[in-house]
């Protein structure tokens, strides 16, 4: 399948920070301190998603389907969490993301969704 270079990530830093920082009043400070690291995790998450989807549909996806935005934010949050040694928490997030990604793949295989690139 033809792959194009991604310009816009599947999710935002805010999407990821919402999964990591429970208290909304602390999110801006967190983004100021860790925003670049989160952006790196988003790039890694998006690459993982594209690799998983490539056998089924053209990637990158544009526009980003809501499910893929959700999955990207979860994977990025899990990568950040894993880097900080919180492996059980990261595994729970990855499991949730994997379940959503599998459902998305099944949906595309049934022809219920057509991705445009």
PDB file of N, CA and C in Angstrom:
ATOM      1  N   UNK A   1       0.829  -1.164   0.000  1.00  0.00           N
ATOM      2  CA  UNK A   1       0.000   0.000   0.000  1.00  0.00           C
ATOM      3  C   UNK A   1       0.886   1.243   0.000  1.00  0.00           C
ATOM      4  N   UNK A   2       0.421   2.258  -0.640  1.00  0.00           N
ATOM      5  CA  UNK A   2       1.178   3.499  -0.733  1.00  0.00           C
ATOM      6  C   UNK A   2       1.104   4.238   0.590  1.00  0.00           C
ATOM      7  N   UNK A   3       2.248   4.670   1.057  1.00  0.00           N
ATOM      8  CA  UNK A   3       2.294   5.429   2.306  1.00  0.00           C
ATOM      9  C   UNK A   3       2.717   6.855   2.013  1.00  0.00           C
ATOM     10  N   UNK A   4       2.016   7.781   2.606  1.00  0.00           N
ATOM     11  CA  UNK A   4       2.356   9.190   2.490  1.00  0.00           C
ATOM     12  C   UNK A   4       2.970   9.628   3.808  1.00  0.00           C
ATOM     13  N   UNK A   5       3.720  10.699   3.764  1.00  0.00           N
ATOM     14  CA  UNK A   5       4.313  11.226   4.982  1.00  0.00           C
ATOM     15  C   UNK A   5       3.250  11.933   5.801  1.00  0.00           C
ATOM     16  N   UNK A   6       3.230  11.637   7.073  1.00  0.00           N
ATOM     17  CA  UNK A   6       2.252  12.251   7.964  1.00  0.00           C
ATOM     18  C   UNK A   6       2.667  13.677   8.290  1.00  0.00           C
ATOM     19  N   UNK A   7       1.727  14.582   8.207  1.00  0.00           N
ATOM     20  CA  UNK A   7       1.963  15.970   8.577  1.00  0.00           C
ATOM     21  C   UNK A   7       1.283  16.262   9.907  1.00  0.00           C
ATOM     22  N   UNK A   8       0.056  15.779  10.054  1.00  0.00           N
ATOM     23  CA  UNK A   8      -0.729  16.019  11.259  1.00  0.00           C
ATOM     24  C   UNK A   8      -0.780  14.722  12.066  1.00  0.00           C
ATOM     25  N   UNK A   9      -0.437  14.776  13.345  1.00  0.00           N
ATOM     26  CA  UNK A   9      -0.505  13.557  14.159  1.00  0.00           C
ATOM     27  C   UNK A   9      -1.958  13.114  14.355  1.00  0.00           C
ATOM     28  N   UNK A  10      -2.136  11.862  14.700  1.00  0.00           N
ATOM     29  CA  UNK A  10      -3.471  11.322  14.919  1.00  0.00           C
ATOM     30  C   UNK A  10      -4.146  11.890  16.164  1.00  0.00           C
ATOM     31  N   UNK A  11      -3.353  12.298  17.152  1.00  0.00           N
ATOM     32  CA  UNK A  11      -3.929  12.876  18.366  1.00  0.00           C
ATOM     33  C   UNK A  11      -3.118  14.098  18.768  1.00  0.00           C
ATOM     34  N   UNK A  12      -3.601  14.794  19.776  1.00  0.00           N
ATOM     35  CA  UNK A  12      -2.914  15.994  20.254  1.00  0.00           C
ATOM     36  C   UNK A  12      -2.216  15.720  21.587  1.00  0.00           C
ATOM     37  N   UNK A  13      -1.330  16.620  21.943  1.00  0.00           N
ATOM     38  CA  UNK A  13      -0.679  16.532  23.257  1.00  0.00           C
ATOM     39  C   UNK A  13      -1.752  16.574  24.341  1.00  0.00           C
ATOM     40  N   UNK A  14      -2.762  17.424  24.166  1.00  0.00           N
ATOM     41  CA  UNK A  14      -3.845  17.502  25.155  1.00  0.00           C
ATOM     42  C   UNK A  14      -4.552  16.159  25.334  1.00  0.00           C
ATOM     43  N   UNK A  15      -4.780  15.451  24.229  1.00  0.00           N
ATOM     44  CA  UNK A  15      -5.426  14.136  24.314  1.00  0.00           C
ATOM     45  C   UNK A  15      -4.628  13.193  25.210  1.00  0.00           C
ATOM     46  N   UNK A  16      -3.314  13.224  25.070  1.00  0.00           N
ATOM     47  CA  UNK A  16      -2.444  12.337  25.849  1.00  0.00           C
ATOM     48  C   UNK A  16      -2.374  12.788  27.306  1.00  0.00           C
ATOM     49  N   UNK A  17      -2.203  14.077  27.509  1.00  0.00           N
ATOM     50  CA  UNK A  17      -2.082  14.608  28.871  1.00  0.00           C
ATOM     51  C   UNK A  17      -3.343  14.311  29.682  1.00  0.00           C
ATOM     52  N   UNK A  18      -4.507  14.360  29.050  1.00  0.00           N
ATOM     53  CA  UNK A  18      -5.749  14.034  29.755  1.00  0.00           C
ATOM     54  C   UNK A  18      -5.743  12.612  30.305  1.00  0.00           C
ATOM     55  N   UNK A  19      -5.019  11.724  29.659  1.00  0.00           N
ATOM     56  CA  UNK A  19      -4.944  10.335  30.109  1.00  0.00           C
ATOM     57  C   UNK A  19      -3.914  10.151  31.228  1.00  0.00           C
ATOM     58  N   UNK A  20      -2.953  11.048  31.287  1.00  0.00           N
ATOM     59  CA  UNK A  20      -1.866  10.907  32.254  1.00  0.00           C
ATOM     60  C   UNK A  20      -2.116  11.700  33.528  1.00  0.00           C
ATOM     61  N   UNK A  21      -2.621  12.914  33.379  1.00  0.00           N
ATOM     62  CA  UNK A  21      -2.800  13.830  34.512  1.00  0.00           C
ATOM     63  C   UNK A  21      -4.289  13.926  34.830  1.00  0.00           C
ATOM     64  N   UNK A  22      -4.684  13.386  35.966  1.00  0.00           N
ATOM     65  CA  UNK A  22      -6.094  13.342  36.348  1.00  0.00           C
ATOM     66  C   UNK A  22      -6.622  14.737  36.696  1.00  0.00           C
ATOM     67  N   UNK A  23      -5.849  15.518  37.404  1.00  0.00           N
ATOM     68  CA  UNK A  23      -6.278  16.843  37.863  1.00  0.00           C
ATOM     69  C   UNK A  23      -6.124  17.876  36.743  1.00  0.00           C
ATOM     70  N   UNK A  24      -7.240  18.388  36.207  1.00  0.00           N
ATOM     71  CA  UNK A  24      -7.156  19.363  35.114  1.00  0.00           C
ATOM     72  C   UNK A  24      -6.326  20.608  35.452  1.00  0.00           C
ATOM     73  N   UNK A  25      -6.275  20.994  36.714  1.00  0.00           N
ATOM     74  CA  UNK A  25      -5.519  22.188  37.094  1.00  0.00           C
ATOM     75  C   UNK A  25      -4.007  21.992  36.970  1.00  0.00           C
ATOM     76  N   UNK A  26      -3.555  20.752  36.826  1.00  0.00           N
ATOM     77  CA  UNK A  26      -2.129  20.459  36.723  1.00  0.00           C
ATOM     78  C   UNK A  26      -1.673  20.186  35.288  1.00  0.00           C
ATOM     79  N   UNK A  27      -2.593  20.157  34.352  1.00  0.00           N
ATOM     80  CA  UNK A  27      -2.267  19.752  32.985  1.00  0.00           C
ATOM     81  C   UNK A  27      -1.382  20.753  32.245  1.00  0.00           C
ATOM     82  N   UNK A  28      -1.623  22.037  32.403  1.00  0.00           N
ATOM     83  CA  UNK A  28      -0.807  23.034  31.698  1.00  0.00           C
ATOM     84  C   UNK A  28       0.650  22.978  32.152  1.00  0.00           C
ATOM     85  N   UNK A  29       0.869  22.853  33.438  1.00  0.00           N
ATOM     86  CA  UNK A  29       2.228  22.743  33.963  1.00  0.00           C
ATOM     87  C   UNK A  29       2.901  21.474  33.447  1.00  0.00           C
ATOM     88  N   UNK A  30       2.148  20.389  33.431  1.00  0.00           N
ATOM     89  CA  UNK A  30       2.668  19.123  32.927  1.00  0.00           C
ATOM     90  C   UNK A  30       3.077  19.267  31.463  1.00  0.00           C
ATOM     91  N   UNK A  31       2.212  19.887  30.651  1.00  0.00           N
ATOM     92  CA  UNK A  31       2.527  20.083  29.230  1.00  0.00           C
ATOM     93  C   UNK A  31       3.775  20.936  29.058  1.00  0.00           C
ATOM     94  N   UNK A  32       3.935  21.960  29.897  1.00  0.00           N
ATOM     95  CA  UNK A  32       5.114  22.815  29.808  1.00  0.00           C
ATOM     96  C   UNK A  32       6.388  22.017  30.085  1.00  0.00           C
ATOM     97  N   UNK A  33       6.314  21.095  31.021  1.00  0.00           N
ATOM     98  CA  UNK A  33       7.487  20.309  31.397  1.00  0.00           C
ATOM     99  C   UNK A  33       7.743  19.128  30.464  1.00  0.00           C
ATOM    100  N   UNK A  34       6.696  18.466  30.019  1.00  0.00           N
ATOM    101  CA  UNK A  34       6.850  17.200  29.302  1.00  0.00           C
ATOM    102  C   UNK A  34       6.274  17.199  27.887  1.00  0.00           C
ATOM    103  N   UNK A  35       5.881  18.349  27.383  1.00  0.00           N
ATOM    104  CA  UNK A  35       5.250  18.431  26.067  1.00  0.00           C
ATOM    105  C   UNK A  35       6.076  17.823  24.949  1.00  0.00           C
ATOM    106  N   UNK A  36       7.371  18.112  24.919  1.00  0.00           N
ATOM    107  CA  UNK A  36       8.224  17.560  23.852  1.00  0.00           C
ATOM    108  C   UNK A  36       8.313  16.040  23.946  1.00  0.00           C
ATOM    109  N   UNK A  37       8.390  15.528  25.151  1.00  0.00           N
ATOM    110  CA  UNK A  37       8.427  14.079  25.344  1.00  0.00           C
ATOM    111  C   UNK A  37       7.114  13.455  24.868  1.00  0.00           C
ATOM    112  N   UNK A  38       5.991  14.094  25.183  1.00  0.00           N
ATOM    113  CA  UNK A  38       4.686  13.602  24.752  1.00  0.00           C
ATOM    114  C   UNK A  38       4.598  13.620  23.223  1.00  0.00           C
ATOM    115  N   UNK A  39       5.083  14.671  22.593  1.00  0.00           N
ATOM    116  CA  UNK A  39       5.079  14.732  21.120  1.00  0.00           C
ATOM    117  C   UNK A  39       5.866  13.568  20.528  1.00  0.00           C
ATOM    118  N   UNK A  40       6.978  13.243  21.149  1.00  0.00           N
ATOM    119  CA  UNK A  40       7.779  12.102  20.703  1.00  0.00           C
ATOM    120  C   UNK A  40       6.999  10.793  20.842  1.00  0.00           C
ATOM    121  N   UNK A  41       6.288  10.652  21.936  1.00  0.00           N
ATOM    122  CA  UNK A  41       5.484   9.444  22.158  1.00  0.00           C
ATOM    123  C   UNK A  41       4.344   9.369  21.138  1.00  0.00           C
ATOM    124  N   UNK A  42       3.771  10.508  20.774  1.00  0.00           N
ATOM    125  CA  UNK A  42       2.712  10.527  19.755  1.00  0.00           C
ATOM    126  C   UNK A  42       3.268  10.059  18.414  1.00  0.00           C
ATOM    127  N   UNK A  43       4.443  10.543  18.044  1.00  0.00           N
ATOM    128  CA  UNK A  43       5.051  10.105  16.772  1.00  0.00           C
ATOM    129  C   UNK A  43       5.277   8.590  16.777  1.00  0.00           C
ATOM    130  N   UNK A  44       5.752   8.069  17.900  1.00  0.00           N
ATOM    131  CA  UNK A  44       5.973   6.625  18.007  1.00  0.00           C
ATOM    132  C   UNK A  44       4.645   5.869  17.944  1.00  0.00           C
ATOM    133  N   UNK A  45       3.643   6.366  18.638  1.00  0.00           N
ATOM    134  CA  UNK A  45       2.330   5.718  18.626  1.00  0.00           C
ATOM    135  C   UNK A  45       1.750   5.694  17.215  1.00  0.00           C
ATOM    136  N   UNK A  46       1.845   6.815  16.520  1.00  0.00           N
ATOM    137  CA  UNK A  46       1.308   6.887  15.165  1.00  0.00           C
ATOM    138  C   UNK A  46       2.033   5.942  14.216  1.00  0.00           C
ATOM    139  N   UNK A  47       3.333   5.814  14.389  1.00  0.00           N
ATOM    140  CA  UNK A  47       4.096   4.872  13.556  1.00  0.00           C
ATOM    141  C   UNK A  47       3.655   3.436  13.836  1.00  0.00           C
ATOM    142  N   UNK A  48       3.427   3.105  15.088  1.00  0.00           N
ATOM    143  CA  UNK A  48       2.947   1.767  15.441  1.00  0.00           C
ATOM    144  C   UNK A  48       1.569   1.497  14.835  1.00  0.00           C
ATOM    145  N   UNK A  49       0.692   2.497  14.918  1.00  0.00           N
ATOM    146  CA  UNK A  49      -0.654   2.347  14.350  1.00  0.00           C
ATOM    147  C   UNK A  49      -0.577   2.146  12.844  1.00  0.00           C
ATOM    148  N   UNK A  50       0.211   2.977  12.170  1.00  0.00           N
ATOM    149  CA  UNK A  50       0.350   2.836  10.716  1.00  0.00           C
ATOM    150  C   UNK A  50       0.887   1.454  10.340  1.00  0.00           C
ATOM    151  N   UNK A  51       1.840   0.967  11.100  1.00  0.00           N
ATOM    152  CA  UNK A  51       2.400  -0.360  10.815  1.00  0.00           C
ATOM    153  C   UNK A  51       1.343  -1.452  10.981  1.00  0.00           C
ATOM    154  N   UNK A  52       0.504  -1.322  11.993  1.00  0.00           N
ATOM    155  CA  UNK A  52      -0.555  -2.318  12.212  1.00  0.00           C
ATOM    156  C   UNK A  52      -1.644  -2.244  11.149  1.00  0.00           C
ATOM    157  N   UNK A  53      -1.957  -1.021  10.685  1.00  0.00           N
ATOM    158  CA  UNK A  53      -3.034  -0.851   9.714  1.00  0.00           C
ATOM    159  C   UNK A  53      -2.599  -1.077   8.272  1.00  0.00           C
ATOM    160  N   UNK A  54      -1.319  -0.939   7.986  1.00  0.00           N
ATOM    161  CA  UNK A  54      -0.816  -0.995   6.613  1.00  0.00           C
ATOM    162  C   UNK A  54      -1.242  -2.242   5.832  1.00  0.00           C
ATOM    163  N   UNK A  55      -1.326  -3.424   6.438  1.00  0.00           N
ATOM    164  CA  UNK A  55      -1.777  -4.583   5.658  1.00  0.00           C
ATOM    165  C   UNK A  55      -3.248  -4.504   5.219  1.00  0.00           C
ATOM    166  N   UNK A  56      -4.000  -3.608   5.834  1.00  0.00           N
ATOM    167  CA  UNK A  56      -5.436  -3.549   5.590  1.00  0.00           C
ATOM    168  C   UNK A  56      -5.892  -2.332   4.797  1.00  0.00           C
ATOM    169  N   UNK A  57      -5.278  -1.178   5.075  1.00  0.00           N
ATOM    170  CA  UNK A  57      -5.703   0.069   4.433  1.00  0.00           C
ATOM    171  C   UNK A  57      -4.496   0.969   4.207  1.00  0.00           C
ATOM    172  N   UNK A  58      -4.659   1.943   3.335  1.00  0.00           N
ATOM    173  CA  UNK A  58      -3.590   2.915   3.094  1.00  0.00           C
ATOM    174  C   UNK A  58      -3.392   3.787   4.332  1.00  0.00           C
ATOM    175  N   UNK A  59      -2.161   4.025   4.642  1.00  0.00           N
ATOM    176  CA  UNK A  59      -1.821   4.897   5.769  1.00  0.00           C
ATOM    177  C   UNK A  59      -0.850   5.956   5.285  1.00  0.00           C
ATOM    178  N   UNK A  60      -0.759   7.099   5.924  1.00  0.00           N
ATOM    179  CA  UNK A  60      -1.512   7.527   7.103  1.00  0.00           C
ATOM    180  C   UNK A  60      -2.954   7.870   6.753  1.00  0.00           C
ATOM    181  N   UNK A  61      -3.789   7.852   7.769  1.00  0.00           N
ATOM    182  CA  UNK A  61      -5.207   8.153   7.594  1.00  0.00           C
ATOM    183  C   UNK A  61      -5.421   9.664   7.669  1.00  0.00           C
ATOM    184  N   UNK A  62      -6.194  10.155   6.729  1.00  0.00           N
ATOM    185  CA  UNK A  62      -6.506  11.589   6.732  1.00  0.00           C
ATOM    186  C   UNK A  62      -7.872  11.763   6.101  1.00  0.00           C
ATOM    187  N   UNK A  63      -8.846  12.248   6.841  1.00  0.00           N
ATOM    188  CA  UNK A  63      -8.776  12.722   8.224  1.00  0.00           C
ATOM    189  C   UNK A  63      -8.670  11.546   9.202  1.00  0.00           C
ATOM    190  N   UNK A  64      -8.331  11.878  10.427  1.00  0.00           N
ATOM    191  CA  UNK A  64      -8.166  10.855  11.454  1.00  0.00           C
ATOM    192  C   UNK A  64      -9.526  10.407  11.969  1.00  0.00           C
ATOM    193  N   UNK A  65      -9.829   9.127  11.853  1.00  0.00           N
ATOM    194  CA  UNK A  65     -11.070   8.621  12.444  1.00  0.00           C
ATOM    195  C   UNK A  65     -11.021   8.751  13.978  1.00  0.00           C
ATOM    196  N   UNK A  66     -12.151   8.998  14.612  1.00  0.00           N
ATOM    197  CA  UNK A  66     -12.162   9.147  16.079  1.00  0.00           C
ATOM    198  C   UNK A  66     -11.533   7.974  16.819  1.00  0.00           C
ATOM    199  N   UNK A  67     -11.768   6.756  16.360  1.00  0.00           N
ATOM    200  CA  UNK A  67     -11.186   5.591  17.031  1.00  0.00           C
ATOM    201  C   UNK A  67      -9.667   5.640  16.988  1.00  0.00           C
ATOM    202  N   UNK A  68      -9.109   6.062  15.874  1.00  0.00           N
ATOM    203  CA  UNK A  68      -7.648   6.113  15.743  1.00  0.00           C
ATOM    204  C   UNK A  68      -7.076   7.232  16.612  1.00  0.00           C
ATOM    205  N   UNK A  69      -7.785   8.325  16.732  1.00  0.00           N
ATOM    206  CA  UNK A  69      -7.350   9.395  17.648  1.00  0.00           C
ATOM    207  C   UNK A  69      -7.265   8.847  19.073  1.00  0.00           C
ATOM    208  N   UNK A  70      -8.286   8.125  19.475  1.00  0.00           N
ATOM    209  CA  UNK A  70      -8.348   7.521  20.798  1.00  0.00           C
ATOM    210  C   UNK A  70      -7.194   6.536  21.002  1.00  0.00           C
ATOM    211  N   UNK A  71      -6.968   5.681  20.026  1.00  0.00           N
ATOM    212  CA  UNK A  71      -5.904   4.676  20.108  1.00  0.00           C
ATOM    213  C   UNK A  71      -4.531   5.341  20.170  1.00  0.00           C
ATOM    214  N   UNK A  72      -4.317   6.354  19.350  1.00  0.00           N
ATOM    215  CA  UNK A  72      -3.036   7.056  19.348  1.00  0.00           C
ATOM    216  C   UNK A  72      -2.750   7.683  20.707  1.00  0.00           C
ATOM    217  N   UNK A  73      -3.749   8.334  21.273  1.00  0.00           N
ATOM    218  CA  UNK A  73      -3.562   8.968  22.588  1.00  0.00           C
ATOM    219  C   UNK A  73      -3.283   7.917  23.654  1.00  0.00           C
ATOM    220  N   UNK A  74      -3.983   6.789  23.596  1.00  0.00           N
ATOM    221  CA  UNK A  74      -3.744   5.725  24.577  1.00  0.00           C
ATOM    222  C   UNK A  74      -2.338   5.152  24.449  1.00  0.00           C
ATOM    223  N   UNK A  75      -1.912   4.864  23.232  1.00  0.00           N
ATOM    224  CA  UNK A  75      -0.576   4.281  23.049  1.00  0.00           C
ATOM    225  C   UNK A  75       0.500   5.269  23.490  1.00  0.00           C
ATOM    226  N   UNK A  76       0.348   6.532  23.128  1.00  0.00           N
ATOM    227  CA  UNK A  76       1.332   7.541  23.548  1.00  0.00           C
ATOM    228  C   UNK A  76       1.377   7.651  25.068  1.00  0.00           C
ATOM    229  N   UNK A  77       0.215   7.647  25.712  1.00  0.00           N
ATOM    230  CA  UNK A  77       0.168   7.703  27.174  1.00  0.00           C
ATOM    231  C   UNK A  77       0.826   6.469  27.785  1.00  0.00           C
ATOM    232  N   UNK A  78       0.590   5.317  27.184  1.00  0.00           N
ATOM    233  CA  UNK A  78       1.201   4.079  27.690  1.00  0.00           C
ATOM    234  C   UNK A  78       2.721   4.116  27.538  1.00  0.00           C
ATOM    235  N   UNK A  79       3.206   4.606  26.406  1.00  0.00           N
ATOM    236  CA  UNK A  79       4.660   4.706  26.213  1.00  0.00           C
ATOM    237  C   UNK A  79       5.283   5.638  27.244  1.00  0.00           C
ATOM    238  N   UNK A  80       4.637   6.759  27.499  1.00  0.00           N
ATOM    239  CA  UNK A  80       5.131   7.703  28.510  1.00  0.00           C
ATOM    240  C   UNK A  80       5.130   7.029  29.885  1.00  0.00           C
ATOM    241  N   UNK A  81       4.031   6.364  30.213  1.00  0.00           N
ATOM    242  CA  UNK A  81       3.885   5.708  31.512  1.00  0.00           C
ATOM    243  C   UNK A  81       4.916   4.588  31.683  1.00  0.00           C
ATOM    244  N   UNK A  82       5.137   3.839  30.620  1.00  0.00           N
ATOM    245  CA  UNK A  82       6.112   2.749  30.661  1.00  0.00           C
ATOM    246  C   UNK A  82       7.526   3.285  30.910  1.00  0.00           C
ATOM    247  N   UNK A  83       7.854   4.393  30.268  1.00  0.00           N
ATOM    248  CA  UNK A  83       9.182   4.988  30.465  1.00  0.00           C
ATOM    249  C   UNK A  83       9.416   5.396  31.910  1.00  0.00           C
ATOM    250  N   UNK A  84       8.349   5.592  32.648  1.00  0.00           N
ATOM    251  CA  UNK A  84       8.464   5.990  34.047  1.00  0.00           C
ATOM    252  C   UNK A  84       8.333   4.804  34.997  1.00  0.00           C
ATOM    253  N   UNK A  85       8.354   3.599  34.442  1.00  0.00           N
ATOM    254  CA  UNK A  85       8.371   2.394  35.262  1.00  0.00           C
ATOM    255  C   UNK A  85       7.013   1.918  35.748  1.00  0.00           C
ATOM    256  N   UNK A  86       5.932   2.494  35.263  1.00  0.00           N
ATOM    257  CA  UNK A  86       4.593   2.092  35.688  1.00  0.00           C
ATOM    258  C   UNK A  86       4.047   1.059  34.696  1.00  0.00           C
ATOM    259  N   UNK A  87       4.630  -0.141  34.746  1.00  0.00           N
ATOM    260  CA  UNK A  87       4.352  -1.153  33.733  1.00  0.00           C
ATOM    261  C   UNK A  87       2.927  -1.698  33.780  1.00  0.00           C
ATOM    262  N   UNK A  88       2.378  -1.898  34.952  1.00  0.00           N
ATOM    263  CA  UNK A  88       1.011  -2.428  35.048  1.00  0.00           C
ATOM    264  C   UNK A  88       0.005  -1.422  34.483  1.00  0.00           C
ATOM    265  N   UNK A  89       0.188  -0.163  34.825  1.00  0.00           N
ATOM    266  CA  UNK A  89      -0.697   0.881  34.307  1.00  0.00           C
ATOM    267  C   UNK A  89      -0.562   0.980  32.785  1.00  0.00           C
ATOM    268  N   UNK A  90       0.667   0.924  32.294  1.00  0.00           N
ATOM    269  CA  UNK A  90       0.912   0.997  30.848  1.00  0.00           C
ATOM    270  C   UNK A  90       0.270  -0.188  30.138  1.00  0.00           C
ATOM    271  N   UNK A  91       0.388  -1.384  30.724  1.00  0.00           N
ATOM    272  CA  UNK A  91      -0.201  -2.570  30.103  1.00  0.00           C
ATOM    273  C   UNK A  91      -1.714  -2.442  30.002  1.00  0.00           C
ATOM    274  N   UNK A  92      -2.354  -1.920  31.035  1.00  0.00           N
ATOM    275  CA  UNK A  92      -3.809  -1.743  30.997  1.00  0.00           C
ATOM    276  C   UNK A  92      -4.211  -0.780  29.879  1.00  0.00           C
ATOM    277  N   UNK A  93      -3.436   0.286  29.694  1.00  0.00           N
ATOM    278  CA  UNK A  93      -3.728   1.258  28.637  1.00  0.00           C
ATOM    279  C   UNK A  93      -3.504   0.629  27.267  1.00  0.00           C
ATOM    280  N   UNK A  94      -2.412  -0.108  27.114  1.00  0.00           N
ATOM    281  CA  UNK A  94      -2.109  -0.772  25.838  1.00  0.00           C
ATOM    282  C   UNK A  94      -3.192  -1.797  25.496  1.00  0.00           C
ATOM    283  N   UNK A  95      -3.636  -2.548  26.486  1.00  0.00           N
ATOM    284  CA  UNK A  95      -4.689  -3.536  26.246  1.00  0.00           C
ATOM    285  C   UNK A  95      -5.960  -2.860  25.724  1.00  0.00           C
ATOM    286  N   UNK A  96      -6.316  -1.729  26.329  1.00  0.00           N
ATOM    287  CA  UNK A  96      -7.494  -0.977  25.889  1.00  0.00           C
ATOM    288  C   UNK A  96      -7.319  -0.476  24.458  1.00  0.00           C
ATOM    289  N   UNK A  97      -6.136   0.050  24.155  1.00  0.00           N
ATOM    290  CA  UNK A  97      -5.859   0.552  22.805  1.00  0.00           C
ATOM    291  C   UNK A  97      -5.885  -0.577  21.786  1.00  0.00           C
ATOM    292  N   UNK A  98      -5.309  -1.709  22.138  1.00  0.00           N
ATOM    293  CA  UNK A  98      -5.275  -2.858  21.228  1.00  0.00           C
ATOM    294  C   UNK A  98      -6.685  -3.348  20.920  1.00  0.00           C
ATOM    295  N   UNK A  99      -7.523  -3.383  21.926  1.00  0.00           N
ATOM    296  CA  UNK A  99      -8.910  -3.809  21.719  1.00  0.00           C
ATOM    297  C   UNK A  99      -9.629  -2.862  20.746  1.00  0.00           C
ATOM    298  N   UNK A 100      -9.438  -1.570  20.927  1.00  0.00           N
ATOM    299  CA  UNK A 100     -10.063  -0.589  20.031  1.00  0.00           C
ATOM    300  C   UNK A 100      -9.492  -0.695  18.621  1.00  0.00           C
ATOM    301  N   UNK A 101      -8.188  -0.910  18.500  1.00  0.00           N
ATOM    302  CA  UNK A 101      -7.566  -1.029  17.183  1.00  0.00           C
ATOM    303  C   UNK A 101      -8.050  -2.289  16.461  1.00  0.00           C
ATOM    304  N   UNK A 102      -8.170  -3.388  17.189  1.00  0.00           N
ATOM    305  CA  UNK A 102      -8.689  -4.627  16.599  1.00  0.00           C
ATOM    306  C   UNK A 102     -10.118  -4.433  16.089  1.00  0.00           C
ATOM    307  N   UNK A 103     -10.930  -3.735  16.864  1.00  0.00           N
ATOM    308  CA  UNK A 103     -12.305  -3.463  16.439  1.00  0.00           C
ATOM    309  C   UNK A 103     -12.317  -2.610  15.182  1.00  0.00           C
ATOM    310  N   UNK A 104     -11.415  -1.637  15.115  1.00  0.00           N
ATOM    311  CA  UNK A 104     -11.325  -0.782  13.932  1.00  0.00           C
ATOM    312  C   UNK A 104     -10.927  -1.598  12.696  1.00  0.00           C
ATOM    313  N   UNK A 105      -9.948  -2.468  12.862  1.00  0.00           N
ATOM    314  CA  UNK A 105      -9.505  -3.310  11.750  1.00  0.00           C
ATOM    315  C   UNK A 105     -10.645  -4.203  11.280  1.00  0.00           C
ATOM    316  N   UNK A 106     -11.370  -4.808  12.204  1.00  0.00           N
ATOM    317  CA  UNK A 106     -12.504  -5.655  11.823  1.00  0.00           C
ATOM    318  C   UNK A 106     -13.550  -4.859  11.062  1.00  0.00           C
ATOM    319  N   UNK A 107     -13.802  -3.646  11.497  1.00  0.00           N
ATOM    320  CA  UNK A 107     -14.777  -2.789  10.824  1.00  0.00           C
ATOM    321  C   UNK A 107     -14.330  -2.484   9.405  1.00  0.00           C
ATOM    322  N   UNK A 108     -13.050  -2.171   9.224  1.00  0.00           N
ATOM    323  CA  UNK A 108     -12.567  -1.860   7.879  1.00  0.00           C
ATOM    324  C   UNK A 108     -12.598  -3.096   6.989  1.00  0.00           C
ATOM    325  N   UNK A 109     -12.368  -4.256   7.567  1.00  0.00           N
ATOM    326  CA  UNK A 109     -12.389  -5.496   6.796  1.00  0.00           C
ATOM    327  C   UNK A 109     -13.794  -5.868   6.338  1.00  0.00           C
ATOM    328  N   UNK A 110     -14.799  -5.432   7.064  1.00  0.00           N
ATOM    329  CA  UNK A 110     -16.180  -5.692   6.683  1.00  0.00           C
ATOM    330  C   UNK A 110     -16.677  -4.707   5.635  1.00  0.00           C
ATOM    331  N   UNK A 111     -15.850  -3.714   5.327  1.00  0.00           N
ATOM    332  CA  UNK A 111     -16.238  -2.731   4.331  1.00  0.00           C
ATOM    333  C   UNK A 111     -17.152  -1.659   4.873  1.00  0.00           C
ATOM    334  N   UNK A 112     -17.292  -1.607   6.199  1.00  0.00           N
ATOM    335  CA  UNK A 112     -18.172  -0.607   6.784  1.00  0.00           C
ATOM    336  C   UNK A 112     -17.527   0.765   6.812  1.00  0.00           C
ATOM    337  N   UNK A 113     -16.239   0.816   6.603  1.00  0.00           N
ATOM    338  CA  UNK A 113     -15.524   2.093   6.640  1.00  0.00           C
ATOM    339  C   UNK A 113     -14.525   2.115   5.493  1.00  0.00           C
ATOM    340  N   UNK A 114     -14.467   3.194   4.792  1.00  0.00           N
ATOM    341  CA  UNK A 114     -13.492   3.349   3.719  1.00  0.00           C
ATOM    342  C   UNK A 114     -12.581   4.506   4.066  1.00  0.00           C
ATOM    343  N   UNK A 115     -11.297   4.249   4.201  1.00  0.00           N
ATOM    344  CA  UNK A 115     -10.334   5.302   4.528  1.00  0.00           C
ATOM    345  C   UNK A 115      -9.945   6.034   3.258  1.00  0.00           C
ATOM    346  N   UNK A 116      -9.795   7.333   3.385  1.00  0.00           N
ATOM    347  CA  UNK A 116      -9.314   8.131   2.263  1.00  0.00           C
ATOM    348  C   UNK A 116      -7.949   8.670   2.629  1.00  0.00           C
ATOM    349  N   UNK A 117      -7.077   8.674   1.675  1.00  0.00           N
ATOM    350  CA  UNK A 117      -5.723   9.175   1.923  1.00  0.00           C
ATOM    351  C   UNK A 117      -5.391  10.253   0.931  1.00  0.00           C
TER     352      UNK A 117
END
